[in-house]
């Protein structure tokens, strides 16, 4: 976990745990799901076979569901797939 998506500054684990303790559990689960889905989406390279395309679409679906929960809690928490992750 980092303090800013623009400037990667590590946050100590105890601080991250303190921040996480202030958030609802379902939001924390959504944040984890979103980060995992972004990693999954970014691992696919073109050209994609049918199985890879289906796996990528499933990861994008998981990301969309997690982002819906994150945006309801705080719109700044949403995660976008990209090559910068």
PDB file of N, CA and C in Angstrom:
ATOM      1  N   UNK A   1       0.856  -1.178   0.000  1.00  0.00           N
ATOM      2  CA  UNK A   1       0.000   0.000   0.000  1.00  0.00           C
ATOM      3  C   UNK A   1       0.897   1.235   0.000  1.00  0.00           C
ATOM      4  N   UNK A   2       0.551   2.231  -0.764  1.00  0.00           N
ATOM      5  CA  UNK A   2       1.329   3.460  -0.841  1.00  0.00           C
ATOM      6  C   UNK A   2       0.446   4.648  -0.503  1.00  0.00           C
ATOM      7  N   UNK A   3       1.099   5.759  -0.179  1.00  0.00           N
ATOM      8  CA  UNK A   3       0.376   6.961   0.225  1.00  0.00           C
ATOM      9  C   UNK A   3      -0.313   7.639  -0.959  1.00  0.00           C
ATOM     10  N   UNK A   4       0.285   7.564  -2.123  1.00  0.00           N
ATOM     11  CA  UNK A   4      -0.256   8.237  -3.293  1.00  0.00           C
ATOM     12  C   UNK A   4      -0.018   7.383  -4.527  1.00  0.00           C
ATOM     13  N   UNK A   5      -0.983   7.307  -5.443  1.00  0.00           N
ATOM     14  CA  UNK A   5      -0.728   6.547  -6.663  1.00  0.00           C
ATOM     15  C   UNK A   5       0.280   7.231  -7.583  1.00  0.00           C
ATOM     16  N   UNK A   6       0.505   8.522  -7.380  1.00  0.00           N
ATOM     17  CA  UNK A   6       1.430   9.261  -8.233  1.00  0.00           C
ATOM     18  C   UNK A   6       2.864   9.157  -7.733  1.00  0.00           C
ATOM     19  N   UNK A   7       3.044   9.215  -6.426  1.00  0.00           N
ATOM     20  CA  UNK A   7       4.369   9.136  -5.826  1.00  0.00           C
ATOM     21  C   UNK A   7       4.372   7.938  -4.879  1.00  0.00           C
ATOM     22  N   UNK A   8       4.989   6.837  -5.273  1.00  0.00           N
ATOM     23  CA  UNK A   8       4.945   5.638  -4.428  1.00  0.00           C
ATOM     24  C   UNK A   8       5.805   5.785  -3.174  1.00  0.00           C
ATOM     25  N   UNK A   9       5.176   6.102  -2.078  1.00  0.00           N
ATOM     26  CA  UNK A   9       5.837   6.208  -0.790  1.00  0.00           C
ATOM     27  C   UNK A   9       5.292   5.086   0.095  1.00  0.00           C
ATOM     28  N   UNK A  10       6.148   4.192   0.568  1.00  0.00           N
ATOM     29  CA  UNK A  10       5.644   3.077   1.370  1.00  0.00           C
ATOM     30  C   UNK A  10       5.032   3.548   2.688  1.00  0.00           C
ATOM     31  N   UNK A  11       3.961   2.882   3.075  1.00  0.00           N
ATOM     32  CA  UNK A  11       3.318   3.143   4.350  1.00  0.00           C
ATOM     33  C   UNK A  11       3.656   1.966   5.263  1.00  0.00           C
ATOM     34  N   UNK A  12       4.100   2.222   6.477  1.00  0.00           N
ATOM     35  CA  UNK A  12       4.379   1.109   7.394  1.00  0.00           C
ATOM     36  C   UNK A  12       3.126   0.260   7.619  1.00  0.00           C
ATOM     37  N   UNK A  13       3.328  -1.024   7.851  1.00  0.00           N
ATOM     38  CA  UNK A  13       2.208  -1.946   8.023  1.00  0.00           C
ATOM     39  C   UNK A  13       1.286  -1.543   9.165  1.00  0.00           C
ATOM     40  N   UNK A  14       1.839  -1.027  10.247  1.00  0.00           N
ATOM     41  CA  UNK A  14       0.996  -0.633  11.387  1.00  0.00           C
ATOM     42  C   UNK A  14       0.096   0.543  11.027  1.00  0.00           C
ATOM     43  N   UNK A  15       0.590   1.457  10.216  1.00  0.00           N
ATOM     44  CA  UNK A  15      -0.216   2.593   9.783  1.00  0.00           C
ATOM     45  C   UNK A  15      -1.315   2.114   8.837  1.00  0.00           C
ATOM     46  N   UNK A  16      -0.961   1.203   7.922  1.00  0.00           N
ATOM     47  CA  UNK A  16      -1.959   0.656   7.002  1.00  0.00           C
ATOM     48  C   UNK A  16      -3.045  -0.093   7.773  1.00  0.00           C
ATOM     49  N   UNK A  17      -2.648  -0.822   8.816  1.00  0.00           N
ATOM     50  CA  UNK A  17      -3.624  -1.537   9.640  1.00  0.00           C
ATOM     51  C   UNK A  17      -4.528  -0.552  10.379  1.00  0.00           C
ATOM     52  N   UNK A  18      -3.981   0.555  10.833  1.00  0.00           N
ATOM     53  CA  UNK A  18      -4.787   1.568  11.517  1.00  0.00           C
ATOM     54  C   UNK A  18      -5.791   2.200  10.556  1.00  0.00           C
ATOM     55  N   UNK A  19      -5.353   2.501   9.344  1.00  0.00           N
ATOM     56  CA  UNK A  19      -6.256   3.055   8.339  1.00  0.00           C
ATOM     57  C   UNK A  19      -7.343   2.047   8.000  1.00  0.00           C
ATOM     58  N   UNK A  20      -6.943   0.786   7.831  1.00  0.00           N
ATOM     59  CA  UNK A  20      -7.905  -0.265   7.514  1.00  0.00           C
ATOM     60  C   UNK A  20      -8.914  -0.509   8.613  1.00  0.00           C
ATOM     61  N   UNK A  21      -8.525  -0.299   9.863  1.00  0.00           N
ATOM     62  CA  UNK A  21      -9.458  -0.527  10.971  1.00  0.00           C
ATOM     63  C   UNK A  21     -10.567   0.520  11.015  1.00  0.00           C
ATOM     64  N   UNK A  22     -10.376   1.635  10.325  1.00  0.00           N
ATOM     65  CA  UNK A  22     -11.383   2.694  10.291  1.00  0.00           C
ATOM     66  C   UNK A  22     -12.380   2.521   9.144  1.00  0.00           C
ATOM     67  N   UNK A  23     -12.144   1.533   8.282  1.00  0.00           N
ATOM     68  CA  UNK A  23     -13.003   1.324   7.120  1.00  0.00           C
ATOM     69  C   UNK A  23     -13.865   0.087   7.329  1.00  0.00           C
ATOM     70  N   UNK A  24     -15.053   0.055   6.740  1.00  0.00           N
ATOM     71  CA  UNK A  24     -15.887  -1.145   6.823  1.00  0.00           C
ATOM     72  C   UNK A  24     -15.202  -2.338   6.144  1.00  0.00           C
ATOM     73  N   UNK A  25     -15.491  -3.520   6.646  1.00  0.00           N
ATOM     74  CA  UNK A  25     -14.844  -4.735   6.149  1.00  0.00           C
ATOM     75  C   UNK A  25     -15.146  -4.971   4.670  1.00  0.00           C
ATOM     76  N   UNK A  26     -16.386  -4.718   4.251  1.00  0.00           N
ATOM     77  CA  UNK A  26     -16.716  -4.965   2.850  1.00  0.00           C
ATOM     78  C   UNK A  26     -15.941  -4.042   1.914  1.00  0.00           C
ATOM     79  N   UNK A  27     -15.582  -2.852   2.374  1.00  0.00           N
ATOM     80  CA  UNK A  27     -14.787  -1.932   1.556  1.00  0.00           C
ATOM     81  C   UNK A  27     -13.347  -2.434   1.464  1.00  0.00           C
ATOM     82  N   UNK A  28     -12.811  -2.954   2.557  1.00  0.00           N
ATOM     83  CA  UNK A  28     -11.462  -3.515   2.529  1.00  0.00           C
ATOM     84  C   UNK A  28     -11.387  -4.711   1.585  1.00  0.00           C
ATOM     85  N   UNK A  29     -12.405  -5.566   1.628  1.00  0.00           N
ATOM     86  CA  UNK A  29     -12.445  -6.713   0.718  1.00  0.00           C
ATOM     87  C   UNK A  29     -12.530  -6.238  -0.733  1.00  0.00           C
ATOM     88  N   UNK A  30     -13.306  -5.210  -0.983  1.00  0.00           N
ATOM     89  CA  UNK A  30     -13.426  -4.671  -2.337  1.00  0.00           C
ATOM     90  C   UNK A  30     -12.096  -4.088  -2.813  1.00  0.00           C
ATOM     91  N   UNK A  31     -11.368  -3.451  -1.917  1.00  0.00           N
ATOM     92  CA  UNK A  31     -10.066  -2.887  -2.284  1.00  0.00           C
ATOM     93  C   UNK A  31      -9.087  -3.997  -2.666  1.00  0.00           C
ATOM     94  N   UNK A  32      -9.087  -5.066  -1.908  1.00  0.00           N
ATOM     95  CA  UNK A  32      -8.212  -6.201  -2.214  1.00  0.00           C
ATOM     96  C   UNK A  32      -8.622  -6.841  -3.539  1.00  0.00           C
ATOM     97  N   UNK A  33      -9.927  -7.038  -3.724  1.00  0.00           N
ATOM     98  CA  UNK A  33     -10.422  -7.616  -4.978  1.00  0.00           C
ATOM     99  C   UNK A  33     -10.043  -6.762  -6.181  1.00  0.00           C
ATOM    100  N   UNK A  34     -10.138  -5.441  -6.027  1.00  0.00           N
ATOM    101  CA  UNK A  34      -9.811  -4.534  -7.127  1.00  0.00           C
ATOM    102  C   UNK A  34      -8.327  -4.610  -7.481  1.00  0.00           C
ATOM    103  N   UNK A  35      -7.475  -4.618  -6.490  1.00  0.00           N
ATOM    104  CA  UNK A  35      -6.032  -4.692  -6.755  1.00  0.00           C
ATOM    105  C   UNK A  35      -5.661  -6.013  -7.416  1.00  0.00           C
ATOM    106  N   UNK A  36      -6.253  -7.111  -6.961  1.00  0.00           N
ATOM    107  CA  UNK A  36      -5.986  -8.423  -7.571  1.00  0.00           C
ATOM    108  C   UNK A  36      -6.502  -8.474  -9.011  1.00  0.00           C
ATOM    109  N   UNK A  37      -7.664  -7.897  -9.250  1.00  0.00           N
ATOM    110  CA  UNK A  37      -8.238  -7.892 -10.597  1.00  0.00           C
ATOM    111  C   UNK A  37      -7.385  -7.059 -11.549  1.00  0.00           C
ATOM    112  N   UNK A  38      -6.856  -5.949 -11.083  1.00  0.00           N
ATOM    113  CA  UNK A  38      -5.993  -5.119 -11.927  1.00  0.00           C
ATOM    114  C   UNK A  38      -4.732  -5.890 -12.303  1.00  0.00           C
ATOM    115  N   UNK A  39      -4.137  -6.589 -11.331  1.00  0.00           N
ATOM    116  CA  UNK A  39      -2.965  -7.403 -11.636  1.00  0.00           C
ATOM    117  C   UNK A  39      -3.297  -8.474 -12.666  1.00  0.00           C
ATOM    118  N   UNK A  40      -4.465  -9.091 -12.512  1.00  0.00           N
ATOM    119  CA  UNK A  40      -4.899 -10.130 -13.443  1.00  0.00           C
ATOM    120  C   UNK A  40      -5.114  -9.554 -14.848  1.00  0.00           C
ATOM    121  N   UNK A  41      -5.756  -8.418 -14.952  1.00  0.00           N
ATOM    122  CA  UNK A  41      -6.004  -7.791 -16.250  1.00  0.00           C
ATOM    123  C   UNK A  41      -4.690  -7.409 -16.921  1.00  0.00           C
ATOM    124  N   UNK A  42      -3.755  -6.885 -16.147  1.00  0.00           N
ATOM    125  CA  UNK A  42      -2.501  -6.400 -16.722  1.00  0.00           C
ATOM    126  C   UNK A  42      -1.554  -7.520 -17.144  1.00  0.00           C
ATOM    127  N   UNK A  43      -1.794  -8.734 -16.709  1.00  0.00           N
ATOM    128  CA  UNK A  43      -0.873  -9.814 -17.073  1.00  0.00           C
ATOM    129  C   UNK A  43      -1.138 -10.351 -18.479  1.00  0.00           C
ATOM    130  N   UNK A  44      -2.273 -10.038 -19.068  1.00  0.00           N
ATOM    131  CA  UNK A  44      -2.598 -10.529 -20.404  1.00  0.00           C
ATOM    132  C   UNK A  44      -1.963  -9.644 -21.468  1.00  0.00           C
ATOM    133  N   UNK A  45      -1.393 -10.288 -22.467  1.00  0.00           N
ATOM    134  CA  UNK A  45      -0.794  -9.583 -23.602  1.00  0.00           C
ATOM    135  C   UNK A  45      -1.537  -9.996 -24.858  1.00  0.00           C
ATOM    136  N   UNK A  46      -1.574  -9.122 -25.843  1.00  0.00           N
ATOM    137  CA  UNK A  46      -2.232  -9.453 -27.101  1.00  0.00           C
ATOM    138  C   UNK A  46      -1.270 -10.249 -27.961  1.00  0.00           C
ATOM    139  N   UNK A  47      -1.696 -11.073 -28.825  1.00  0.00           N
ATOM    140  CA  UNK A  47      -3.068 -11.497 -29.119  1.00  0.00           C
ATOM    141  C   UNK A  47      -3.564 -12.485 -28.068  1.00  0.00           C
ATOM    142  N   UNK A  48      -4.838 -12.411 -27.777  1.00  0.00           N
ATOM    143  CA  UNK A  48      -5.449 -13.262 -26.761  1.00  0.00           C
ATOM    144  C   UNK A  48      -6.210 -14.419 -27.411  1.00  0.00           C
ATOM    145  N   UNK A  49      -6.025 -15.609 -26.833  1.00  0.00           N
ATOM    146  CA  UNK A  49      -6.847 -16.732 -27.277  1.00  0.00           C
ATOM    147  C   UNK A  49      -8.211 -16.613 -26.589  1.00  0.00           C
ATOM    148  N   UNK A  50      -9.143 -17.466 -26.937  1.00  0.00           N
ATOM    149  CA  UNK A  50     -10.497 -17.376 -26.385  1.00  0.00           C
ATOM    150  C   UNK A  50     -10.513 -17.545 -24.871  1.00  0.00           C
ATOM    151  N   UNK A  51      -9.694 -18.472 -24.340  1.00  0.00           N
ATOM    152  CA  UNK A  51      -9.663 -18.682 -22.893  1.00  0.00           C
ATOM    153  C   UNK A  51      -9.092 -17.463 -22.169  1.00  0.00           C
ATOM    154  N   UNK A  52      -8.016 -16.883 -22.715  1.00  0.00           N
ATOM    155  CA  UNK A  52      -7.438 -15.690 -22.100  1.00  0.00           C
ATOM    156  C   UNK A  52      -8.403 -14.516 -22.163  1.00  0.00           C
ATOM    157  N   UNK A  53      -9.118 -14.389 -23.266  1.00  0.00           N
ATOM    158  CA  UNK A  53     -10.091 -13.309 -23.404  1.00  0.00           C
ATOM    159  C   UNK A  53     -11.198 -13.445 -22.358  1.00  0.00           C
ATOM    160  N   UNK A  54     -11.647 -14.676 -22.133  1.00  0.00           N
ATOM    161  CA  UNK A  54     -12.686 -14.926 -21.126  1.00  0.00           C
ATOM    162  C   UNK A  54     -12.161 -14.638 -19.723  1.00  0.00           C
ATOM    163  N   UNK A  55     -10.916 -15.037 -19.444  1.00  0.00           N
ATOM    164  CA  UNK A  55     -10.324 -14.756 -18.128  1.00  0.00           C
ATOM    165  C   UNK A  55     -10.157 -13.261 -17.903  1.00  0.00           C
ATOM    166  N   UNK A  56      -9.757 -12.548 -18.956  1.00  0.00           N
ATOM    167  CA  UNK A  56      -9.590 -11.089 -18.837  1.00  0.00           C
ATOM    168  C   UNK A  56     -10.942 -10.413 -18.594  1.00  0.00           C
ATOM    169  N   UNK A  57     -11.964 -10.863 -19.303  1.00  0.00           N
ATOM    170  CA  UNK A  57     -13.300 -10.294 -19.106  1.00  0.00           C
ATOM    171  C   UNK A  57     -13.815 -10.567 -17.699  1.00  0.00           C
ATOM    172  N   UNK A  58     -13.506 -11.744 -17.169  1.00  0.00           N
ATOM    173  CA  UNK A  58     -13.919 -12.070 -15.799  1.00  0.00           C
ATOM    174  C   UNK A  58     -13.206 -11.152 -14.805  1.00  0.00           C
ATOM    175  N   UNK A  59     -11.912 -10.904 -15.026  1.00  0.00           N
ATOM    176  CA  UNK A  59     -11.166  -9.999 -14.148  1.00  0.00           C
ATOM    177  C   UNK A  59     -11.715  -8.577 -14.242  1.00  0.00           C
ATOM    178  N   UNK A  60     -12.068  -8.136 -15.453  1.00  0.00           N
ATOM    179  CA  UNK A  60     -12.663  -6.803 -15.599  1.00  0.00           C
ATOM    180  C   UNK A  60     -14.013  -6.705 -14.901  1.00  0.00           C
ATOM    181  N   UNK A  61     -14.771  -7.799 -14.930  1.00  0.00           N
ATOM    182  CA  UNK A  61     -16.055  -7.828 -14.229  1.00  0.00           C
ATOM    183  C   UNK A  61     -15.852  -7.725 -12.712  1.00  0.00           C
ATOM    184  N   UNK A  62     -14.867  -8.469 -12.206  1.00  0.00           N
ATOM    185  CA  UNK A  62     -14.547  -8.402 -10.771  1.00  0.00           C
ATOM    186  C   UNK A  62     -14.110  -6.998 -10.389  1.00  0.00           C
ATOM    187  N   UNK A  63     -13.304  -6.379 -11.238  1.00  0.00           N
ATOM    188  CA  UNK A  63     -12.853  -5.006 -10.985  1.00  0.00           C
ATOM    189  C   UNK A  63     -14.033  -4.040 -10.965  1.00  0.00           C
ATOM    190  N   UNK A  64     -14.967  -4.193 -11.888  1.00  0.00           N
ATOM    191  CA  UNK A  64     -16.133  -3.307 -11.933  1.00  0.00           C
ATOM    192  C   UNK A  64     -16.991  -3.459 -10.680  1.00  0.00           C
ATOM    193  N   UNK A  65     -17.175  -4.690 -10.218  1.00  0.00           N
ATOM    194  CA  UNK A  65     -17.960  -4.914  -8.993  1.00  0.00           C
ATOM    195  C   UNK A  65     -17.270  -4.290  -7.785  1.00  0.00           C
ATOM    196  N   UNK A  66     -15.950  -4.476  -7.693  1.00  0.00           N
ATOM    197  CA  UNK A  66     -15.204  -3.904  -6.565  1.00  0.00           C
ATOM    198  C   UNK A  66     -15.223  -2.383  -6.630  1.00  0.00           C
ATOM    199  N   UNK A  67     -15.071  -1.817  -7.824  1.00  0.00           N
ATOM    200  CA  UNK A  67     -15.094  -0.356  -7.968  1.00  0.00           C
ATOM    201  C   UNK A  67     -16.448   0.234  -7.599  1.00  0.00           C
ATOM    202  N   UNK A  68     -17.518  -0.510  -7.839  1.00  0.00           N
ATOM    203  CA  UNK A  68     -18.849  -0.020  -7.468  1.00  0.00           C
ATOM    204  C   UNK A  68     -18.944   0.155  -5.952  1.00  0.00           C
ATOM    205  N   UNK A  69     -18.405  -0.805  -5.212  1.00  0.00           N
ATOM    206  CA  UNK A  69     -18.409  -0.717  -3.742  1.00  0.00           C
ATOM    207  C   UNK A  69     -17.485   0.396  -3.277  1.00  0.00           C
ATOM    208  N   UNK A  70     -16.299   0.483  -3.873  1.00  0.00           N
ATOM    209  CA  UNK A  70     -15.340   1.515  -3.477  1.00  0.00           C
ATOM    210  C   UNK A  70     -15.868   2.911  -3.778  1.00  0.00           C
ATOM    211  N   UNK A  71     -16.504   3.093  -4.924  1.00  0.00           N
ATOM    212  CA  UNK A  71     -17.030   4.409  -5.294  1.00  0.00           C
ATOM    213  C   UNK A  71     -18.169   4.825  -4.377  1.00  0.00           C
ATOM    214  N   UNK A  72     -18.952   3.864  -3.907  1.00  0.00           N
ATOM    215  CA  UNK A  72     -20.035   4.200  -2.980  1.00  0.00           C
ATOM    216  C   UNK A  72     -19.475   4.688  -1.648  1.00  0.00           C
ATOM    217  N   UNK A  73     -18.334   4.152  -1.260  1.00  0.00           N
ATOM    218  CA  UNK A  73     -17.711   4.568   0.007  1.00  0.00           C
ATOM    219  C   UNK A  73     -16.942   5.879  -0.175  1.00  0.00           C
ATOM    220  N   UNK A  74     -16.085   5.932  -1.204  1.00  0.00           N
ATOM    221  CA  UNK A  74     -15.310   7.137  -1.514  1.00  0.00           C
ATOM    222  C   UNK A  74     -14.863   7.045  -2.974  1.00  0.00           C
ATOM    223  N   UNK A  75     -15.321   7.920  -3.841  1.00  0.00           N
ATOM    224  CA  UNK A  75     -14.990   7.828  -5.268  1.00  0.00           C
ATOM    225  C   UNK A  75     -13.491   7.864  -5.568  1.00  0.00           C
ATOM    226  N   UNK A  76     -12.696   8.395  -4.667  1.00  0.00           N
ATOM    227  CA  UNK A  76     -11.251   8.449  -4.903  1.00  0.00           C
ATOM    228  C   UNK A  76     -10.574   7.093  -4.738  1.00  0.00           C
ATOM    229  N   UNK A  77     -11.280   6.102  -4.228  1.00  0.00           N
ATOM    230  CA  UNK A  77     -10.694   4.779  -4.016  1.00  0.00           C
ATOM    231  C   UNK A  77     -10.774   3.866  -5.233  1.00  0.00           C
ATOM    232  N   UNK A  78     -11.488   4.283  -6.261  1.00  0.00           N
ATOM    233  CA  UNK A  78     -11.623   3.411  -7.430  1.00  0.00           C
ATOM    234  C   UNK A  78     -10.267   3.151  -8.078  1.00  0.00           C
ATOM    235  N   UNK A  79     -10.166   1.979  -8.702  1.00  0.00           N
ATOM    236  CA  UNK A  79      -8.916   1.520  -9.300  1.00  0.00           C
ATOM    237  C   UNK A  79      -9.135   1.334 -10.790  1.00  0.00           C
ATOM    238  N   UNK A  80      -8.181   1.786 -11.599  1.00  0.00           N
ATOM    239  CA  UNK A  80      -8.287   1.639 -13.052  1.00  0.00           C
ATOM    240  C   UNK A  80      -7.206   0.686 -13.535  1.00  0.00           C
ATOM    241  N   UNK A  81      -7.549  -0.183 -14.490  1.00  0.00           N
ATOM    242  CA  UNK A  81      -6.510  -1.029 -15.048  1.00  0.00           C
ATOM    243  C   UNK A  81      -5.598  -0.211 -15.961  1.00  0.00           C
ATOM    244  N   UNK A  82      -4.334  -0.482 -15.899  1.00  0.00           N
ATOM    245  CA  UNK A  82      -3.393   0.233 -16.726  1.00  0.00           C
ATOM    246  C   UNK A  82      -2.032  -0.400 -16.619  1.00  0.00           C
ATOM    247  N   UNK A  83      -1.127   0.051 -17.407  1.00  0.00           N
ATOM    248  CA  UNK A  83       0.209  -0.519 -17.417  1.00  0.00           C
ATOM    249  C   UNK A  83       1.087   0.031 -16.294  1.00  0.00           C
ATOM    250  N   UNK A  84       0.638   1.047 -15.583  1.00  0.00           N
ATOM    251  CA  UNK A  84       1.442   1.648 -14.530  1.00  0.00           C
ATOM    252  C   UNK A  84       1.406   0.905 -13.212  1.00  0.00           C
ATOM    253  N   UNK A  85       0.599  -0.154 -13.090  1.00  0.00           N
ATOM    254  CA  UNK A  85       0.461  -0.866 -11.828  1.00  0.00           C
ATOM    255  C   UNK A  85       1.521  -1.911 -11.644  1.00  0.00           C
TER     256      UNK A  85
END
